[in-house]
Amino acid sequence: MDALIFILCVLLVCGCATREPCHAPLAGPPPATATVALAAGERINLTLTTERDVTHLSEDVDAQGNIIASLLVFHVAGLTPAEAAKQIEQELSFKSRQWGHSSVSVKVSR
């Protein structure tokens, strides 16, 4: 019995005496989803706001990295949600004037 206790103590000491930590270091918090680029296969939510109404859409990013919103195709893969919203808003601003809207704002989220 004494020999078993001795062996267990030696294994315990030797196991923790290595240079590597006994446990994996704790990972930091996951990156905020707002700073992670959008990718093909993701579903994103869009809120399109004009002076007349608010439209909520849920769109899938296709294999080419595009979404279809308001009958227009937008390439969003590789952009953060904020960057995608800015790009879509810029492209829709021109179209919205043609459609009789004075302004449009866009919000993109996961």
N, C-alpha and C. Protein backbone atom coordinates (compact mmCIF):
# COMPACT_ATOMS: atom_id res chain seq x y z
N MET A 1 0.83 -1.19 0.00
CA MET A 1 0.00 0.00 0.00
C MET A 1 0.86 1.25 0.00
N ASP A 2 1.96 1.23 0.79
CA ASP A 2 2.85 2.37 0.82
C ASP A 2 3.51 2.60 -0.53
N ALA A 3 3.80 1.52 -1.21
CA ALA A 3 4.43 1.63 -2.53
C ALA A 3 3.46 2.28 -3.52
N LEU A 4 2.18 1.94 -3.45
CA LEU A 4 1.18 2.53 -4.34
C LEU A 4 1.05 4.03 -4.09
N ILE A 5 1.02 4.44 -2.86
CA ILE A 5 0.93 5.86 -2.51
C ILE A 5 2.18 6.59 -3.01
N PHE A 6 3.36 5.94 -2.82
CA PHE A 6 4.60 6.54 -3.27
C PHE A 6 4.58 6.75 -4.80
N ILE A 7 4.13 5.74 -5.54
CA ILE A 7 4.08 5.82 -7.00
C ILE A 7 3.11 6.92 -7.45
N LEU A 8 1.96 7.00 -6.81
CA LEU A 8 0.99 8.04 -7.15
C LEU A 8 1.55 9.44 -6.88
N CYS A 9 2.26 9.60 -5.79
CA CYS A 9 2.88 10.90 -5.47
C CYS A 9 3.93 11.26 -6.51
N VAL A 10 4.77 10.27 -6.91
CA VAL A 10 5.80 10.53 -7.91
C VAL A 10 5.16 10.93 -9.23
N LEU A 11 4.10 10.21 -9.64
CA LEU A 11 3.42 10.55 -10.88
C LEU A 11 2.79 11.93 -10.82
N LEU A 12 2.24 12.27 -9.69
CA LEU A 12 1.62 13.58 -9.52
C LEU A 12 2.67 14.68 -9.63
N VAL A 13 3.81 14.50 -8.97
CA VAL A 13 4.87 15.51 -9.00
C VAL A 13 5.48 15.59 -10.39
N CYS A 14 5.76 14.46 -11.00
CA CYS A 14 6.37 14.45 -12.33
C CYS A 14 5.42 15.02 -13.37
N GLY A 15 4.17 14.74 -13.22
CA GLY A 15 3.19 15.22 -14.19
C GLY A 15 3.07 16.73 -14.18
N CYS A 16 3.24 17.36 -13.05
CA CYS A 16 3.12 18.81 -12.96
C CYS A 16 4.47 19.51 -13.04
N ALA A 17 5.57 18.74 -13.12
CA ALA A 17 6.89 19.34 -13.16
C ALA A 17 7.36 19.59 -14.59
N THR A 18 6.52 19.32 -15.56
CA THR A 18 6.93 19.57 -16.94
C THR A 18 6.88 21.06 -17.24
N ARG A 19 7.52 21.45 -18.33
CA ARG A 19 7.54 22.87 -18.69
C ARG A 19 6.21 23.32 -19.29
N GLU A 20 5.46 22.40 -19.82
CA GLU A 20 4.18 22.74 -20.41
C GLU A 20 3.13 22.84 -19.32
N PRO A 21 2.18 23.74 -19.47
CA PRO A 21 1.13 23.84 -18.44
C PRO A 21 0.30 22.57 -18.38
N CYS A 22 -0.22 22.29 -17.20
CA CYS A 22 -1.03 21.10 -16.99
C CYS A 22 -2.40 21.22 -17.67
N HIS A 23 -2.77 22.43 -17.98
CA HIS A 23 -4.06 22.65 -18.63
C HIS A 23 -3.87 23.68 -19.74
N ALA A 24 -4.77 23.66 -20.67
CA ALA A 24 -4.69 24.62 -21.77
C ALA A 24 -5.01 26.01 -21.24
N PRO A 25 -4.32 27.02 -21.73
CA PRO A 25 -4.64 28.38 -21.29
C PRO A 25 -6.06 28.74 -21.72
N LEU A 26 -6.68 29.57 -20.93
CA LEU A 26 -8.04 29.98 -21.25
C LEU A 26 -8.02 30.87 -22.49
N ALA A 27 -8.91 30.58 -23.38
CA ALA A 27 -9.02 31.40 -24.59
C ALA A 27 -9.69 32.71 -24.25
N GLY A 28 -9.36 33.73 -24.99
CA GLY A 28 -10.01 35.02 -24.80
C GLY A 28 -11.44 34.95 -25.28
N PRO A 29 -12.15 36.03 -25.12
CA PRO A 29 -13.54 36.04 -25.57
C PRO A 29 -13.60 35.90 -27.09
N PRO A 30 -14.67 35.31 -27.59
CA PRO A 30 -14.78 35.18 -29.05
C PRO A 30 -14.87 36.57 -29.67
N PRO A 31 -14.43 36.71 -30.92
CA PRO A 31 -14.49 38.03 -31.54
C PRO A 31 -15.94 38.49 -31.67
N ALA A 32 -16.12 39.77 -31.55
CA ALA A 32 -17.47 40.32 -31.70
C ALA A 32 -17.95 40.06 -33.12
N THR A 33 -19.19 39.62 -33.27
CA THR A 33 -19.69 39.28 -34.59
C THR A 33 -19.73 40.49 -35.51
N ALA A 34 -19.77 41.68 -34.95
CA ALA A 34 -19.81 42.88 -35.79
C ALA A 34 -18.49 43.12 -36.49
N THR A 35 -17.39 42.52 -35.99
CA THR A 35 -16.09 42.76 -36.60
C THR A 35 -15.62 41.59 -37.45
N VAL A 36 -16.41 40.53 -37.52
CA VAL A 36 -16.06 39.36 -38.32
C VAL A 36 -16.70 39.50 -39.70
N ALA A 37 -15.92 39.27 -40.74
CA ALA A 37 -16.41 39.43 -42.10
C ALA A 37 -17.52 38.43 -42.40
N LEU A 38 -18.46 38.85 -43.22
CA LEU A 38 -19.54 37.98 -43.67
C LEU A 38 -18.99 36.96 -44.66
N ALA A 39 -19.63 35.80 -44.72
CA ALA A 39 -19.14 34.73 -45.59
C ALA A 39 -20.31 34.02 -46.25
N ALA A 40 -20.00 33.32 -47.34
CA ALA A 40 -21.02 32.54 -48.04
C ALA A 40 -21.68 31.56 -47.08
N GLY A 41 -22.98 31.38 -47.22
CA GLY A 41 -23.73 30.46 -46.38
C GLY A 41 -24.33 31.10 -45.15
N GLU A 42 -23.93 32.32 -44.82
CA GLU A 42 -24.50 33.00 -43.65
C GLU A 42 -25.85 33.59 -43.98
N ARG A 43 -26.70 33.68 -42.97
CA ARG A 43 -27.97 34.39 -43.09
C ARG A 43 -27.80 35.71 -42.35
N ILE A 44 -28.11 36.80 -43.06
CA ILE A 44 -27.99 38.12 -42.44
C ILE A 44 -29.34 38.81 -42.45
N ASN A 45 -29.50 39.72 -41.52
CA ASN A 45 -30.73 40.49 -41.40
C ASN A 45 -30.44 41.91 -41.88
N LEU A 46 -31.33 42.45 -42.69
CA LEU A 46 -31.20 43.81 -43.18
C LEU A 46 -32.41 44.60 -42.75
N THR A 47 -32.19 45.83 -42.36
CA THR A 47 -33.27 46.76 -42.10
C THR A 47 -33.07 47.94 -43.03
N LEU A 48 -33.99 48.13 -43.96
CA LEU A 48 -33.94 49.23 -44.90
C LEU A 48 -34.96 50.28 -44.46
N THR A 49 -34.51 51.48 -44.23
CA THR A 49 -35.38 52.54 -43.72
C THR A 49 -35.41 53.70 -44.71
N THR A 50 -36.60 54.08 -45.12
CA THR A 50 -36.79 55.28 -45.94
C THR A 50 -37.72 56.21 -45.17
N GLU A 51 -37.98 57.38 -45.74
CA GLU A 51 -38.90 58.30 -45.05
C GLU A 51 -40.32 57.76 -45.03
N ARG A 52 -40.61 56.78 -45.89
CA ARG A 52 -41.97 56.23 -45.96
C ARG A 52 -42.19 54.98 -45.13
N ASP A 53 -41.17 54.12 -45.05
CA ASP A 53 -41.38 52.85 -44.34
C ASP A 53 -40.07 52.21 -43.91
N VAL A 54 -40.22 51.12 -43.14
CA VAL A 54 -39.10 50.31 -42.69
C VAL A 54 -39.34 48.90 -43.20
N THR A 55 -38.33 48.33 -43.84
CA THR A 55 -38.45 46.97 -44.39
C THR A 55 -37.40 46.09 -43.72
N HIS A 56 -37.84 44.95 -43.21
CA HIS A 56 -36.93 43.98 -42.59
C HIS A 56 -36.80 42.79 -43.54
N LEU A 57 -35.57 42.44 -43.87
CA LEU A 57 -35.30 41.32 -44.76
C LEU A 57 -34.33 40.37 -44.08
N SER A 58 -34.44 39.11 -44.41
CA SER A 58 -33.48 38.10 -43.97
C SER A 58 -33.00 37.41 -45.23
N GLU A 59 -31.72 37.54 -45.51
CA GLU A 59 -31.16 37.03 -46.76
C GLU A 59 -29.98 36.11 -46.50
N ASP A 60 -29.82 35.10 -47.37
CA ASP A 60 -28.66 34.21 -47.31
C ASP A 60 -27.58 34.75 -48.24
N VAL A 61 -26.33 34.71 -47.76
CA VAL A 61 -25.20 35.06 -48.62
C VAL A 61 -24.93 33.83 -49.49
N ASP A 62 -25.02 34.00 -50.82
CA ASP A 62 -24.87 32.85 -51.71
C ASP A 62 -23.40 32.45 -51.87
N ALA A 63 -23.15 31.40 -52.63
CA ALA A 63 -21.79 30.86 -52.79
C ALA A 63 -20.82 31.87 -53.39
N GLN A 64 -21.34 32.84 -54.14
CA GLN A 64 -20.48 33.88 -54.71
C GLN A 64 -20.28 35.06 -53.76
N GLY A 65 -20.94 35.01 -52.60
CA GLY A 65 -20.80 36.08 -51.61
C GLY A 65 -21.79 37.21 -51.79
N ASN A 66 -22.87 36.95 -52.53
CA ASN A 66 -23.86 37.99 -52.83
C ASN A 66 -25.15 37.77 -52.06
N ILE A 67 -25.91 38.85 -51.90
CA ILE A 67 -27.29 38.79 -51.43
C ILE A 67 -28.14 39.53 -52.44
N ILE A 68 -29.43 39.24 -52.45
CA ILE A 68 -30.36 39.96 -53.30
C ILE A 68 -31.33 40.69 -52.37
N ALA A 69 -31.32 42.01 -52.46
CA ALA A 69 -32.22 42.83 -51.64
C ALA A 69 -32.80 43.92 -52.53
N SER A 70 -34.08 44.13 -52.42
CA SER A 70 -34.77 45.14 -53.23
C SER A 70 -34.50 44.94 -54.72
N LEU A 71 -34.48 43.70 -55.14
CA LEU A 71 -34.28 43.30 -56.53
C LEU A 71 -32.90 43.66 -57.07
N LEU A 72 -31.97 43.96 -56.19
CA LEU A 72 -30.59 44.28 -56.59
C LEU A 72 -29.64 43.28 -55.95
N VAL A 73 -28.51 43.02 -56.61
CA VAL A 73 -27.51 42.10 -56.10
C VAL A 73 -26.39 42.92 -55.45
N PHE A 74 -26.01 42.52 -54.23
CA PHE A 74 -24.94 43.18 -53.50
C PHE A 74 -23.91 42.15 -53.09
N HIS A 75 -22.63 42.43 -53.33
CA HIS A 75 -21.56 41.53 -52.90
C HIS A 75 -21.16 41.94 -51.49
N VAL A 76 -21.33 41.02 -50.51
CA VAL A 76 -21.06 41.35 -49.12
C VAL A 76 -20.02 40.46 -48.46
N ALA A 77 -19.64 39.36 -49.10
CA ALA A 77 -18.65 38.46 -48.50
C ALA A 77 -17.34 39.22 -48.31
N GLY A 78 -16.71 39.03 -47.17
CA GLY A 78 -15.45 39.69 -46.87
C GLY A 78 -15.63 41.04 -46.20
N LEU A 79 -16.87 41.50 -46.09
CA LEU A 79 -17.15 42.77 -45.42
C LEU A 79 -17.72 42.51 -44.04
N THR A 80 -17.45 43.39 -43.10
CA THR A 80 -18.11 43.30 -41.81
C THR A 80 -19.56 43.76 -42.00
N PRO A 81 -20.44 43.47 -41.05
CA PRO A 81 -21.81 43.96 -41.20
C PRO A 81 -21.89 45.47 -41.40
N ALA A 82 -21.06 46.23 -40.69
CA ALA A 82 -21.08 47.70 -40.84
C ALA A 82 -20.62 48.11 -42.24
N GLU A 83 -19.59 47.46 -42.75
CA GLU A 83 -19.10 47.77 -44.09
C GLU A 83 -20.15 47.40 -45.15
N ALA A 84 -20.80 46.26 -44.96
CA ALA A 84 -21.84 45.83 -45.89
C ALA A 84 -22.99 46.82 -45.88
N ALA A 85 -23.40 47.26 -44.69
CA ALA A 85 -24.49 48.23 -44.59
C ALA A 85 -24.13 49.52 -45.32
N LYS A 86 -22.90 49.98 -45.14
CA LYS A 86 -22.47 51.22 -45.80
C LYS A 86 -22.50 51.07 -47.32
N GLN A 87 -21.98 49.94 -47.81
CA GLN A 87 -21.96 49.70 -49.25
C GLN A 87 -23.37 49.62 -49.82
N ILE A 88 -24.24 48.85 -49.16
CA ILE A 88 -25.62 48.71 -49.63
C ILE A 88 -26.33 50.06 -49.60
N GLU A 89 -26.11 50.81 -48.52
CA GLU A 89 -26.75 52.12 -48.39
C GLU A 89 -26.30 53.06 -49.52
N GLN A 90 -25.02 53.05 -49.84
CA GLN A 90 -24.52 53.91 -50.93
C GLN A 90 -25.16 53.51 -52.26
N GLU A 91 -25.23 52.23 -52.52
CA GLU A 91 -25.81 51.78 -53.79
C GLU A 91 -27.31 52.03 -53.85
N LEU A 92 -27.99 51.85 -52.71
CA LEU A 92 -29.44 52.06 -52.70
C LEU A 92 -29.79 53.54 -52.71
N SER A 93 -28.91 54.41 -52.22
CA SER A 93 -29.22 55.85 -52.20
C SER A 93 -29.48 56.36 -53.60
N PHE A 94 -28.65 55.92 -54.54
CA PHE A 94 -28.85 56.33 -55.93
C PHE A 94 -30.19 55.80 -56.45
N LYS A 95 -30.44 54.51 -56.23
CA LYS A 95 -31.67 53.89 -56.71
C LYS A 95 -32.90 54.47 -56.01
N SER A 96 -32.77 54.76 -54.73
CA SER A 96 -33.94 55.22 -53.98
C SER A 96 -34.44 56.56 -54.51
N ARG A 97 -33.54 57.41 -54.98
CA ARG A 97 -33.98 58.66 -55.57
C ARG A 97 -34.78 58.41 -56.85
N GLN A 98 -34.35 57.40 -57.60
CA GLN A 98 -35.11 57.04 -58.81
C GLN A 98 -36.48 56.50 -58.45
N TRP A 99 -36.58 55.86 -57.29
CA TRP A 99 -37.85 55.27 -56.86
C TRP A 99 -38.71 56.25 -56.07
N GLY A 100 -38.25 57.50 -55.92
CA GLY A 100 -39.05 58.52 -55.25
C GLY A 100 -38.77 58.68 -53.77
N HIS A 101 -37.70 58.11 -53.26
CA HIS A 101 -37.32 58.28 -51.85
C HIS A 101 -36.20 59.31 -51.78
N SER A 102 -36.22 60.14 -50.78
CA SER A 102 -35.16 61.14 -50.64
C SER A 102 -33.96 60.57 -49.91
N SER A 103 -34.15 59.52 -49.11
CA SER A 103 -33.02 58.95 -48.38
C SER A 103 -33.32 57.49 -48.02
N VAL A 104 -32.26 56.76 -47.73
CA VAL A 104 -32.38 55.37 -47.30
C VAL A 104 -31.25 55.11 -46.32
N SER A 105 -31.53 54.34 -45.29
CA SER A 105 -30.47 53.90 -44.38
C SER A 105 -30.58 52.38 -44.24
N VAL A 106 -29.45 51.75 -44.00
CA VAL A 106 -29.38 50.28 -43.97
C VAL A 106 -28.67 49.84 -42.72
N LYS A 107 -29.18 48.79 -42.10
CA LYS A 107 -28.52 48.15 -40.96
C LYS A 107 -28.41 46.68 -41.30
N VAL A 108 -27.21 46.10 -41.08
CA VAL A 108 -26.97 44.68 -41.35
C VAL A 108 -26.55 44.03 -40.05
N SER A 109 -27.13 42.89 -39.73
CA SER A 109 -26.73 42.13 -38.54
C SER A 109 -26.82 40.65 -38.83
N ARG A 110 -26.24 39.87 -37.96
CA ARG A 110 -26.29 38.41 -38.10
C ARG A 110 -27.49 37.87 -37.40
